[in-house]
N, C-alpha and C. Protein backbone atom coordinates (compact mmCIF):
# COMPACT_ATOMS: atom_id res chain seq x y z
N UNK A 1 -0.69 -18.46 10.73
CA UNK A 1 0.54 -19.21 10.58
C UNK A 1 1.06 -19.03 9.16
N UNK A 2 2.31 -18.71 9.03
CA UNK A 2 2.94 -18.50 7.74
C UNK A 2 3.60 -19.80 7.27
N UNK A 3 3.47 -20.09 5.98
CA UNK A 3 4.06 -21.29 5.40
C UNK A 3 5.30 -20.90 4.61
N UNK A 4 6.40 -21.58 4.84
CA UNK A 4 7.63 -21.36 4.07
C UNK A 4 7.56 -22.21 2.80
N UNK A 5 7.27 -21.57 1.66
CA UNK A 5 7.12 -22.29 0.40
C UNK A 5 8.44 -22.53 -0.29
N UNK A 6 9.56 -22.03 0.26
CA UNK A 6 10.85 -22.16 -0.43
C UNK A 6 11.28 -23.62 -0.58
N UNK A 7 10.87 -24.49 0.33
CA UNK A 7 11.22 -25.90 0.19
C UNK A 7 10.06 -26.72 -0.38
N UNK A 8 9.04 -26.05 -0.88
CA UNK A 8 7.89 -26.71 -1.48
C UNK A 8 7.64 -26.09 -2.87
N UNK A 9 8.50 -26.43 -3.83
CA UNK A 9 8.42 -25.78 -5.15
C UNK A 9 7.17 -26.18 -5.93
N UNK A 10 6.74 -25.26 -6.81
CA UNK A 10 5.60 -25.59 -7.65
C UNK A 10 6.04 -26.57 -8.72
N UNK A 11 5.09 -27.42 -9.12
CA UNK A 11 5.40 -28.46 -10.09
C UNK A 11 4.10 -29.09 -10.57
N UNK A 12 4.20 -29.88 -11.61
CA UNK A 12 3.08 -30.64 -12.16
C UNK A 12 3.57 -32.08 -12.34
N UNK A 13 2.69 -32.96 -12.76
CA UNK A 13 3.04 -34.35 -13.03
C UNK A 13 2.35 -34.80 -14.31
N UNK A 14 3.01 -35.63 -15.08
CA UNK A 14 2.38 -36.36 -16.18
C UNK A 14 1.66 -37.55 -15.55
N UNK A 15 0.47 -37.90 -16.09
CA UNK A 15 -0.23 -39.08 -15.61
C UNK A 15 -0.71 -39.93 -16.77
N UNK A 16 -0.89 -41.21 -16.50
CA UNK A 16 -1.33 -42.15 -17.52
C UNK A 16 -2.13 -43.26 -16.85
N UNK A 17 -3.23 -43.64 -17.48
CA UNK A 17 -4.02 -44.79 -17.03
C UNK A 17 -4.78 -45.34 -18.22
N UNK A 18 -5.05 -46.61 -18.18
CA UNK A 18 -5.87 -47.27 -19.19
C UNK A 18 -7.20 -47.60 -18.53
N UNK A 19 -8.30 -47.25 -19.18
CA UNK A 19 -9.62 -47.46 -18.58
C UNK A 19 -10.03 -48.93 -18.65
N UNK A 20 -11.05 -49.25 -17.89
CA UNK A 20 -11.66 -50.57 -17.98
C UNK A 20 -12.35 -50.70 -19.33
N UNK A 21 -12.65 -51.91 -19.73
CA UNK A 21 -13.33 -52.15 -21.00
C UNK A 21 -14.84 -52.12 -20.78
N UNK A 22 -15.54 -51.40 -21.63
CA UNK A 22 -17.00 -51.35 -21.60
C UNK A 22 -17.46 -51.10 -23.04
N UNK A 23 -18.52 -51.71 -23.45
CA UNK A 23 -19.03 -51.61 -24.81
C UNK A 23 -17.91 -51.92 -25.81
N UNK A 24 -17.14 -52.96 -25.50
CA UNK A 24 -16.08 -53.47 -26.36
C UNK A 24 -14.96 -52.49 -26.69
N UNK A 25 -14.66 -51.58 -25.77
CA UNK A 25 -13.52 -50.69 -26.00
C UNK A 25 -12.99 -50.13 -24.68
N UNK A 26 -11.79 -49.55 -24.77
CA UNK A 26 -11.11 -48.89 -23.65
C UNK A 26 -10.71 -47.49 -24.09
N UNK A 27 -10.26 -46.71 -23.11
CA UNK A 27 -9.75 -45.37 -23.39
C UNK A 27 -8.44 -45.14 -22.67
N UNK A 28 -7.61 -44.28 -23.24
CA UNK A 28 -6.38 -43.84 -22.59
C UNK A 28 -6.67 -42.53 -21.87
N UNK A 29 -6.37 -42.52 -20.58
CA UNK A 29 -6.53 -41.32 -19.74
C UNK A 29 -5.12 -40.82 -19.47
N UNK A 30 -4.78 -39.66 -20.02
CA UNK A 30 -3.43 -39.13 -19.82
C UNK A 30 -3.44 -37.62 -19.92
N UNK A 31 -2.43 -37.01 -19.36
CA UNK A 31 -2.29 -35.57 -19.40
C UNK A 31 -1.34 -35.09 -18.33
N UNK A 32 -1.53 -33.84 -17.92
CA UNK A 32 -0.69 -33.23 -16.91
C UNK A 32 -1.58 -32.65 -15.82
N UNK A 33 -1.15 -32.80 -14.57
CA UNK A 33 -1.88 -32.21 -13.46
C UNK A 33 -1.68 -30.70 -13.48
N UNK A 34 -2.52 -29.99 -12.76
CA UNK A 34 -2.32 -28.56 -12.56
C UNK A 34 -1.16 -28.36 -11.58
N UNK A 35 -0.44 -27.25 -11.73
CA UNK A 35 0.67 -26.92 -10.84
C UNK A 35 0.19 -26.66 -9.43
N UNK A 36 0.95 -27.11 -8.46
CA UNK A 36 0.77 -26.72 -7.06
C UNK A 36 2.14 -26.68 -6.41
N UNK A 37 2.23 -26.00 -5.28
CA UNK A 37 3.45 -26.04 -4.47
C UNK A 37 3.35 -27.26 -3.58
N UNK A 38 4.45 -27.97 -3.42
CA UNK A 38 4.44 -29.13 -2.55
C UNK A 38 5.74 -29.89 -2.62
N UNK A 39 5.91 -30.77 -1.66
CA UNK A 39 7.10 -31.61 -1.61
C UNK A 39 6.68 -33.04 -1.32
N UNK A 40 7.65 -33.92 -1.23
CA UNK A 40 7.33 -35.34 -1.06
C UNK A 40 6.78 -35.67 0.32
N UNK A 41 6.91 -34.75 1.26
CA UNK A 41 6.51 -35.07 2.63
C UNK A 41 5.33 -34.27 3.17
N UNK A 42 4.61 -33.55 2.32
CA UNK A 42 3.53 -32.70 2.85
C UNK A 42 2.12 -33.15 2.46
N UNK A 43 2.00 -34.28 1.78
CA UNK A 43 0.70 -34.86 1.40
C UNK A 43 -0.14 -33.94 0.51
N UNK A 44 0.51 -33.08 -0.29
CA UNK A 44 -0.24 -32.21 -1.21
C UNK A 44 -0.92 -33.05 -2.30
N UNK A 45 -1.91 -32.48 -2.95
CA UNK A 45 -2.62 -33.14 -4.04
C UNK A 45 -2.67 -32.20 -5.24
N UNK A 46 -3.03 -32.74 -6.41
CA UNK A 46 -3.17 -31.97 -7.64
C UNK A 46 -4.55 -32.21 -8.24
N UNK A 47 -5.09 -31.22 -8.90
CA UNK A 47 -6.31 -31.38 -9.70
C UNK A 47 -5.89 -31.74 -11.12
N UNK A 48 -6.76 -32.44 -11.82
CA UNK A 48 -6.51 -32.75 -13.23
C UNK A 48 -7.85 -32.88 -13.95
N UNK A 49 -7.82 -32.65 -15.24
CA UNK A 49 -9.02 -32.73 -16.06
C UNK A 49 -8.61 -32.96 -17.51
N UNK A 50 -9.54 -33.46 -18.32
CA UNK A 50 -9.22 -33.64 -19.73
C UNK A 50 -10.22 -34.49 -20.46
N UNK A 51 -9.82 -34.89 -21.64
CA UNK A 51 -10.60 -35.77 -22.51
C UNK A 51 -9.74 -36.98 -22.85
N UNK A 52 -10.36 -38.14 -22.88
CA UNK A 52 -9.60 -39.32 -23.28
C UNK A 52 -9.20 -39.18 -24.73
N UNK A 53 -8.23 -39.98 -25.12
CA UNK A 53 -7.88 -40.03 -26.54
C UNK A 53 -9.06 -40.57 -27.31
N UNK A 54 -9.19 -40.13 -28.55
CA UNK A 54 -10.27 -40.64 -29.41
C UNK A 54 -10.04 -42.12 -29.69
N UNK A 55 -10.99 -42.93 -29.31
CA UNK A 55 -10.99 -44.35 -29.66
C UNK A 55 -12.43 -44.72 -29.97
N UNK A 56 -12.61 -45.65 -30.82
CA UNK A 56 -13.97 -46.06 -31.16
C UNK A 56 -14.83 -44.87 -31.58
N UNK A 57 -14.17 -43.85 -32.14
CA UNK A 57 -14.82 -42.67 -32.72
C UNK A 57 -15.55 -41.80 -31.69
N UNK A 58 -15.16 -41.85 -30.43
CA UNK A 58 -15.71 -40.91 -29.45
C UNK A 58 -14.72 -40.74 -28.31
N UNK A 59 -14.98 -39.76 -27.48
CA UNK A 59 -14.13 -39.53 -26.32
C UNK A 59 -14.98 -39.49 -25.06
N UNK A 60 -14.32 -39.47 -23.93
CA UNK A 60 -14.97 -39.32 -22.63
C UNK A 60 -14.29 -38.19 -21.87
N UNK A 61 -15.04 -37.53 -21.02
CA UNK A 61 -14.48 -36.50 -20.14
C UNK A 61 -13.98 -37.15 -18.87
N UNK A 62 -13.01 -36.51 -18.22
CA UNK A 62 -12.58 -36.97 -16.90
C UNK A 62 -12.06 -35.78 -16.11
N UNK A 63 -12.14 -35.89 -14.82
CA UNK A 63 -11.56 -34.91 -13.92
C UNK A 63 -11.39 -35.55 -12.56
N UNK A 64 -10.50 -35.02 -11.76
CA UNK A 64 -10.29 -35.59 -10.45
C UNK A 64 -9.23 -34.86 -9.66
N UNK A 65 -8.97 -35.42 -8.50
CA UNK A 65 -7.93 -34.94 -7.60
C UNK A 65 -7.05 -36.14 -7.29
N UNK A 66 -5.75 -35.97 -7.42
CA UNK A 66 -4.83 -37.07 -7.14
C UNK A 66 -4.90 -37.44 -5.67
N UNK A 67 -4.35 -38.59 -5.35
CA UNK A 67 -4.12 -38.91 -3.95
C UNK A 67 -2.97 -38.07 -3.43
N UNK A 68 -2.69 -38.13 -2.13
CA UNK A 68 -1.59 -37.35 -1.57
C UNK A 68 -0.23 -37.80 -2.09
N UNK A 69 0.75 -36.93 -1.97
CA UNK A 69 2.11 -37.24 -2.41
C UNK A 69 2.62 -38.50 -1.72
N UNK A 70 3.22 -39.38 -2.51
CA UNK A 70 3.82 -40.62 -1.98
C UNK A 70 5.33 -40.49 -2.16
N UNK A 71 6.07 -40.39 -1.05
CA UNK A 71 7.52 -40.20 -1.14
C UNK A 71 8.22 -41.40 -1.77
N UNK A 72 9.31 -41.12 -2.49
CA UNK A 72 10.17 -42.17 -3.05
C UNK A 72 11.51 -42.11 -2.33
N UNK A 73 12.26 -43.18 -2.40
CA UNK A 73 13.56 -43.25 -1.72
C UNK A 73 14.54 -42.19 -2.20
N UNK A 74 14.40 -41.75 -3.47
CA UNK A 74 15.35 -40.77 -4.01
C UNK A 74 14.96 -39.32 -3.69
N UNK A 75 13.93 -39.11 -2.87
CA UNK A 75 13.51 -37.76 -2.51
C UNK A 75 12.37 -37.22 -3.36
N UNK A 76 12.08 -37.87 -4.48
CA UNK A 76 10.96 -37.46 -5.32
C UNK A 76 9.65 -38.00 -4.77
N UNK A 77 8.61 -37.85 -5.55
CA UNK A 77 7.30 -38.36 -5.15
C UNK A 77 6.42 -38.56 -6.37
N UNK A 78 5.33 -39.29 -6.17
CA UNK A 78 4.33 -39.49 -7.20
C UNK A 78 2.96 -39.48 -6.52
N UNK A 79 1.91 -39.56 -7.33
CA UNK A 79 0.54 -39.57 -6.82
C UNK A 79 -0.23 -40.69 -7.52
N UNK A 80 -1.19 -41.26 -6.83
CA UNK A 80 -2.09 -42.22 -7.46
C UNK A 80 -3.31 -41.47 -7.97
N UNK A 81 -3.88 -41.96 -9.08
CA UNK A 81 -5.12 -41.40 -9.62
C UNK A 81 -6.12 -42.53 -9.83
N UNK A 82 -7.38 -42.21 -9.71
CA UNK A 82 -8.43 -43.17 -10.01
C UNK A 82 -9.73 -42.40 -10.19
N UNK A 83 -10.64 -43.00 -10.89
CA UNK A 83 -11.93 -42.36 -11.12
C UNK A 83 -12.66 -43.04 -12.25
N UNK A 84 -13.47 -42.26 -12.93
CA UNK A 84 -14.20 -42.79 -14.07
C UNK A 84 -14.26 -41.75 -15.17
N UNK A 85 -14.30 -42.21 -16.38
CA UNK A 85 -14.54 -41.35 -17.54
C UNK A 85 -15.99 -41.58 -17.93
N UNK A 86 -16.64 -40.56 -18.44
CA UNK A 86 -18.06 -40.69 -18.67
C UNK A 86 -18.48 -40.04 -19.98
N UNK A 87 -19.60 -40.48 -20.48
CA UNK A 87 -20.18 -39.95 -21.71
C UNK A 87 -21.67 -39.75 -21.47
N UNK A 88 -22.13 -38.53 -21.63
CA UNK A 88 -23.56 -38.23 -21.50
C UNK A 88 -24.23 -38.35 -22.86
N UNK A 89 -25.49 -38.74 -22.86
CA UNK A 89 -26.16 -38.97 -24.14
C UNK A 89 -26.34 -37.70 -24.96
N UNK A 90 -26.32 -36.52 -24.36
CA UNK A 90 -26.53 -35.29 -25.13
C UNK A 90 -25.23 -34.53 -25.40
N UNK A 91 -24.08 -35.14 -25.11
CA UNK A 91 -22.81 -34.49 -25.40
C UNK A 91 -22.42 -34.68 -26.87
N UNK A 92 -21.75 -33.68 -27.44
CA UNK A 92 -21.28 -33.83 -28.83
C UNK A 92 -20.01 -34.67 -28.86
N UNK A 93 -20.17 -35.97 -28.72
CA UNK A 93 -19.02 -36.81 -28.49
C UNK A 93 -18.62 -37.71 -29.64
N UNK A 94 -19.35 -37.75 -30.70
CA UNK A 94 -18.99 -38.62 -31.82
C UNK A 94 -18.39 -37.78 -32.95
N UNK A 95 -17.35 -38.30 -33.54
CA UNK A 95 -16.67 -37.61 -34.63
C UNK A 95 -16.97 -38.39 -35.92
N UNK A 96 -17.46 -37.69 -36.92
CA UNK A 96 -17.78 -38.35 -38.17
C UNK A 96 -17.48 -37.39 -39.32
N UNK A 97 -16.73 -37.86 -40.28
CA UNK A 97 -16.39 -37.06 -41.46
C UNK A 97 -15.75 -35.73 -41.09
N UNK A 98 -14.92 -35.72 -40.05
CA UNK A 98 -14.21 -34.50 -39.66
C UNK A 98 -15.05 -33.51 -38.88
N UNK A 99 -16.28 -33.84 -38.55
CA UNK A 99 -17.13 -32.93 -37.79
C UNK A 99 -17.68 -33.58 -36.55
N UNK A 100 -18.39 -32.82 -35.77
CA UNK A 100 -18.98 -33.31 -34.53
C UNK A 100 -20.41 -33.74 -34.79
N UNK A 101 -20.76 -34.91 -34.30
CA UNK A 101 -22.12 -35.42 -34.42
C UNK A 101 -22.69 -35.55 -33.02
N UNK A 102 -23.84 -34.94 -32.79
CA UNK A 102 -24.47 -35.01 -31.48
C UNK A 102 -25.22 -36.32 -31.33
N UNK A 103 -24.98 -36.97 -30.21
CA UNK A 103 -25.63 -38.24 -29.94
C UNK A 103 -27.00 -37.99 -29.31
N UNK A 104 -28.00 -38.71 -29.74
CA UNK A 104 -29.33 -38.58 -29.15
C UNK A 104 -29.81 -39.90 -28.56
N UNK A 105 -28.99 -40.92 -28.62
CA UNK A 105 -29.39 -42.24 -28.14
C UNK A 105 -28.92 -42.46 -26.71
N UNK A 106 -29.83 -42.72 -25.80
CA UNK A 106 -29.45 -43.02 -24.43
C UNK A 106 -28.71 -44.35 -24.36
N UNK A 107 -28.84 -45.16 -25.36
CA UNK A 107 -28.15 -46.44 -25.43
C UNK A 107 -26.63 -46.24 -25.41
N UNK A 108 -26.17 -45.10 -25.90
CA UNK A 108 -24.73 -44.83 -25.97
C UNK A 108 -24.14 -44.39 -24.64
N UNK A 109 -24.95 -44.11 -23.63
CA UNK A 109 -24.44 -43.66 -22.35
C UNK A 109 -23.69 -44.82 -21.69
N UNK A 110 -22.45 -44.59 -21.33
CA UNK A 110 -21.66 -45.57 -20.62
C UNK A 110 -20.46 -44.88 -19.99
N UNK A 111 -19.78 -45.58 -19.12
CA UNK A 111 -18.57 -45.01 -18.54
C UNK A 111 -17.54 -46.11 -18.32
N UNK A 112 -16.34 -45.69 -17.96
CA UNK A 112 -15.23 -46.58 -17.73
C UNK A 112 -14.52 -46.14 -16.45
N UNK A 113 -14.02 -47.08 -15.69
CA UNK A 113 -13.21 -46.78 -14.52
C UNK A 113 -11.73 -46.82 -14.92
N UNK A 114 -10.90 -46.10 -14.16
CA UNK A 114 -9.46 -46.13 -14.42
C UNK A 114 -8.69 -46.01 -13.11
N UNK A 115 -7.49 -46.52 -13.11
CA UNK A 115 -6.54 -46.38 -12.01
C UNK A 115 -5.16 -46.22 -12.63
N UNK A 116 -4.34 -45.40 -12.03
CA UNK A 116 -2.99 -45.22 -12.52
C UNK A 116 -2.19 -44.40 -11.53
N UNK A 117 -1.08 -43.89 -12.01
CA UNK A 117 -0.26 -43.04 -11.16
C UNK A 117 0.45 -42.01 -12.02
N UNK A 118 0.95 -41.00 -11.33
CA UNK A 118 1.69 -39.96 -12.02
C UNK A 118 3.16 -40.35 -12.11
N UNK A 119 3.86 -39.61 -12.93
CA UNK A 119 5.31 -39.73 -12.96
C UNK A 119 5.90 -38.77 -11.93
N UNK A 120 7.20 -38.57 -12.01
CA UNK A 120 7.90 -37.62 -11.14
C UNK A 120 7.37 -36.21 -11.38
N UNK A 121 7.62 -35.33 -10.43
CA UNK A 121 7.27 -33.92 -10.61
C UNK A 121 8.07 -33.31 -11.74
N UNK A 122 7.45 -32.42 -12.50
CA UNK A 122 8.12 -31.73 -13.60
C UNK A 122 7.85 -30.23 -13.51
N UNK A 123 8.67 -29.44 -14.18
CA UNK A 123 8.44 -28.00 -14.26
C UNK A 123 9.02 -27.20 -13.11
N UNK A 124 9.94 -27.78 -12.35
CA UNK A 124 10.57 -27.05 -11.26
C UNK A 124 11.45 -25.94 -11.82
N UNK A 125 11.54 -24.82 -11.09
CA UNK A 125 12.50 -23.79 -11.45
C UNK A 125 13.91 -24.33 -11.24
N UNK A 126 14.89 -23.86 -12.01
CA UNK A 126 16.27 -24.28 -11.78
C UNK A 126 16.70 -23.88 -10.35
N UNK A 127 17.58 -24.68 -9.76
CA UNK A 127 18.05 -24.41 -8.40
C UNK A 127 18.66 -23.03 -8.29
N UNK A 128 18.31 -22.29 -7.25
CA UNK A 128 18.83 -20.95 -7.03
C UNK A 128 18.11 -19.86 -7.81
N UNK A 129 17.05 -20.20 -8.49
CA UNK A 129 16.33 -19.21 -9.29
C UNK A 129 15.55 -18.27 -8.46
C-alpha cells in the first residue's frame, strides 16, 4: 500500500515540561522533537531526547516518544509528553569550576517525573514548495 505524504508534511515541535521535585530541586525539560511526516488526523508520534537545563549544578538525561497527534479546532495539532529524567551514579553529571566531575556516590542517584505538551508544528516547507 502506498502512502500519499503530500498532505502529511514533515515537521517538528517545541516541547516544555517542569519536572517533579526531588532532593529539593526541579529540572526544566525542553527541546525540539525529531522531524516526522504527519498531520493532525493520523495519530503520528515523534521521538525526542536531551538533557535538562543545569540546575543544582547537575543535569539529567531524558528521552521518549510523544503521544499521538491531538487535533486542534484550527487544523493544527499538538502532542502530550511524559516520562522521567534520570541520573546514574557513574555519569559525569556534576559541573564544578568549569569542568566535569564524576560522581561516585550512589546517594546522588535520583530521578524526576515530568508531564507536558508540545507546541504547534514547526518547520513546514512553504506552501507550493
